[in-house]
C-alpha atoms as a PDB file:
ATOM      1  CA  UNK A   1      -0.057  -0.029   0.034  1.00  0.00           C
ATOM      2  CA  UNK A   2       1.456   3.379  -0.891  1.00  0.00           C
ATOM      3  CA  UNK A   3       1.553   6.475   1.291  1.00  0.00           C
ATOM      4  CA  UNK A   4      -1.236   8.309  -0.482  1.00  0.00           C
ATOM      5  CA  UNK A   5      -3.547   5.367  -0.053  1.00  0.00           C
ATOM      6  CA  UNK A   6      -2.584   4.987   3.607  1.00  0.00           C
ATOM      7  CA  UNK A   7      -3.302   8.715   4.212  1.00  0.00           C
ATOM      8  CA  UNK A   8      -6.716   8.431   2.618  1.00  0.00           C
ATOM      9  CA  UNK A   9      -7.746   5.430   4.588  1.00  0.00           C
ATOM     10  CA  UNK A  10      -6.406   6.964   7.855  1.00  0.00           C
ATOM     11  CA  UNK A  11      -8.263  10.243   7.177  1.00  0.00           C
ATOM     12  CA  UNK A  12     -11.499   8.302   6.370  1.00  0.00           C
ATOM     13  CA  UNK A  13     -11.248   6.665   9.766  1.00  0.00           C
ATOM     14  CA  UNK A  14     -10.273   9.717  11.714  1.00  0.00           C
ATOM     15  CA  UNK A  15     -12.901  12.071  10.281  1.00  0.00           C
ATOM     16  CA  UNK A  16     -15.992  10.446  11.954  1.00  0.00           C
ATOM     17  CA  UNK A  17     -14.135  10.720  15.269  1.00  0.00           C
ATOM     18  CA  UNK A  18     -13.469  14.405  14.702  1.00  0.00           C
ATOM     19  CA  UNK A  19      -9.688  13.994  14.728  1.00  0.00           C
ATOM     20  CA  UNK A  20      -7.751  16.357  12.414  1.00  0.00           C
ATOM     21  CA  UNK A  21      -4.611  14.143  12.279  1.00  0.00           C
ATOM     22  CA  UNK A  22      -3.016  10.967  13.592  1.00  0.00           C
ATOM     23  CA  UNK A  23      -1.131  13.230  16.081  1.00  0.00           C
ATOM     24  CA  UNK A  24      -4.471  14.622  17.377  1.00  0.00           C
ATOM     25  CA  UNK A  25      -5.842  11.051  17.707  1.00  0.00           C
ATOM     26  CA  UNK A  26      -2.669   9.891  19.464  1.00  0.00           C
ATOM     27  CA  UNK A  27      -2.693  12.688  21.987  1.00  0.00           C
ATOM     28  CA  UNK A  28      -6.392  12.074  22.752  1.00  0.00           C
ATOM     29  CA  UNK A  29      -5.659   8.351  23.197  1.00  0.00           C
ATOM     30  CA  UNK A  30      -2.806   9.123  25.552  1.00  0.00           C
ATOM     31  CA  UNK A  31      -4.945  11.481  27.471  1.00  0.00           C
ATOM     32  CA  UNK A  32      -7.756   8.967  27.814  1.00  0.00           C
ATOM     33  CA  UNK A  33      -5.220   6.346  28.875  1.00  0.00           C
ATOM     34  CA  UNK A  34      -3.872   8.626  31.535  1.00  0.00           C
ATOM     35  CA  UNK A  35      -7.446   9.296  32.825  1.00  0.00           C
ATOM     36  CA  UNK A  36      -8.102   5.555  32.917  1.00  0.00           C
ATOM     37  CA  UNK A  37      -4.937   5.045  35.044  1.00  0.00           C
ATOM     38  CA  UNK A  38      -5.909   7.935  37.320  1.00  0.00           C
ATOM     39  CA  UNK A  39      -9.371   6.393  37.839  1.00  0.00           C
ATOM     40  CA  UNK A  40      -7.866   3.027  38.645  1.00  0.00           C
ATOM     41  CA  UNK A  41      -5.416   4.333  41.268  1.00  0.00           C
ATOM     42  CA  UNK A  42      -7.991   6.753  42.738  1.00  0.00           C
ATOM     43  CA  UNK A  43     -10.304   3.806  43.309  1.00  0.00           C
ATOM     44  CA  UNK A  44      -7.479   1.949  45.159  1.00  0.00           C
ATOM     45  CA  UNK A  45      -6.685   4.988  47.187  1.00  0.00           C
ATOM     46  CA  UNK A  46     -10.319   5.493  48.152  1.00  0.00           C
ATOM     47  CA  UNK A  47     -10.696   1.765  49.064  1.00  0.00           C
ATOM     48  CA  UNK A  48      -7.844   1.994  51.559  1.00  0.00           C
ATOM     49  CA  UNK A  49      -9.002   5.363  52.947  1.00  0.00           C
ATOM     50  CA  UNK A  50     -12.372   3.788  53.586  1.00  0.00           C
ATOM     51  CA  UNK A  51     -10.915   0.595  55.092  1.00  0.00           C
ATOM     52  CA  UNK A  52      -8.626   2.400  57.484  1.00  0.00           C
ATOM     53  CA  UNK A  53     -10.579   5.683  57.899  1.00  0.00           C
ATOM     54  CA  UNK A  54      -7.392   7.770  57.456  1.00  0.00           C
ATOM     55  CA  UNK A  55      -5.242   9.252  54.632  1.00  0.00           C
ATOM     56  CA  UNK A  56      -2.245   7.455  53.243  1.00  0.00           C
ATOM     57  CA  UNK A  57       0.168   9.844  55.039  1.00  0.00           C
ATOM     58  CA  UNK A  58      -1.451   9.065  58.408  1.00  0.00           C
ATOM     59  CA  UNK A  59      -1.412   5.382  57.719  1.00  0.00           C
ATOM     60  CA  UNK A  60       2.261   5.542  56.805  1.00  0.00           C
ATOM     61  CA  UNK A  61       3.028   7.336  59.985  1.00  0.00           C
ATOM     62  CA  UNK A  62       1.078   4.722  61.936  1.00  0.00           C
ATOM     63  CA  UNK A  63       3.057   1.923  60.249  1.00  0.00           C
ATOM     64  CA  UNK A  64       6.427   3.725  60.820  1.00  0.00           C
ATOM     65  CA  UNK A  65       5.632   4.188  64.569  1.00  0.00           C
ATOM     66  CA  UNK A  66       5.051   0.535  65.180  1.00  0.00           C
ATOM     67  CA  UNK A  67       7.906  -1.025  67.040  1.00  0.00           C
ATOM     68  CA  UNK A  68       8.196  -4.748  67.597  1.00  0.00           C
ATOM     69  CA  UNK A  69       4.643  -5.181  66.328  1.00  0.00           C
ATOM     70  CA  UNK A  70       3.704  -6.997  63.166  1.00  0.00           C
ATOM     71  CA  UNK A  71       0.448  -6.978  61.311  1.00  0.00           C
ATOM     72  CA  UNK A  72       0.971  -8.660  58.009  1.00  0.00           C
ATOM     73  CA  UNK A  73      -2.332  -7.477  56.572  1.00  0.00           C
ATOM     74  CA  UNK A  74      -1.531  -3.849  57.383  1.00  0.00           C
ATOM     75  CA  UNK A  75       2.007  -4.170  56.057  1.00  0.00           C
ATOM     76  CA  UNK A  76       0.707  -5.718  52.790  1.00  0.00           C
ATOM     77  CA  UNK A  77      -1.983  -3.051  52.574  1.00  0.00           C
ATOM     78  CA  UNK A  78       0.715  -0.396  53.132  1.00  0.00           C
ATOM     79  CA  UNK A  79       2.772  -1.661  50.227  1.00  0.00           C
ATOM     80  CA  UNK A  80      -0.263  -1.810  47.935  1.00  0.00           C
ATOM     81  CA  UNK A  81      -1.474   1.548  49.059  1.00  0.00           C
ATOM     82  CA  UNK A  82       2.007   3.144  48.648  1.00  0.00           C
ATOM     83  CA  UNK A  83       2.166   1.760  45.050  1.00  0.00           C
ATOM     84  CA  UNK A  84      -1.326   3.140  44.305  1.00  0.00           C
ATOM     85  CA  UNK A  85      -0.404   6.488  46.006  1.00  0.00           C
ATOM     86  CA  UNK A  86       2.744   6.899  44.040  1.00  0.00           C
ATOM     87  CA  UNK A  87       1.126   5.815  40.787  1.00  0.00           C
ATOM     88  CA  UNK A  88      -1.667   8.259  41.402  1.00  0.00           C
ATOM     89  CA  UNK A  89       0.760  11.123  41.767  1.00  0.00           C
ATOM     90  CA  UNK A  90       2.674  10.037  38.627  1.00  0.00           C
ATOM     91  CA  UNK A  91      -0.427   9.743  36.445  1.00  0.00           C
ATOM     92  CA  UNK A  92      -1.752  13.099  37.763  1.00  0.00           C
ATOM     93  CA  UNK A  93       1.467  14.714  36.692  1.00  0.00           C
ATOM     94  CA  UNK A  94       1.383  13.039  33.241  1.00  0.00           C
ATOM     95  CA  UNK A  95      -2.258  13.933  32.633  1.00  0.00           C
ATOM     96  CA  UNK A  96      -1.401  17.630  33.346  1.00  0.00           C
ATOM     97  CA  UNK A  97       1.562  17.429  30.980  1.00  0.00           C
ATOM     98  CA  UNK A  98      -0.545  16.027  28.190  1.00  0.00           C
ATOM     99  CA  UNK A  99      -3.345  18.621  28.878  1.00  0.00           C
ATOM    100  CA  UNK A 100      -0.748  21.231  27.864  1.00  0.00           C
ATOM    101  CA  UNK A 101      -0.584  19.706  24.409  1.00  0.00           C
ATOM    102  CA  UNK A 102      -4.256  20.514  23.593  1.00  0.00           C
END
């Protein structure tokens, strides 16, 4: 398939979605992907907030203050919550960066 034919087929597919170019479609796809990640990690964060009734920072402080005590469930939750918390911050930053492209 030659370049001209590829451009026509691409434009025929992009037009119904109101995209002006492949770059426009790609940026929109990236933006939507970032929002999906944000939603995923926000749900995880909210689930842990509900379970423990405190913010991640307070939960971290509580875990850090425990001496000679082990609660495997809380430690496992801390690791999962930390991952979700860090990922949430990362994807919030990336979504803001991509917003600047529009």
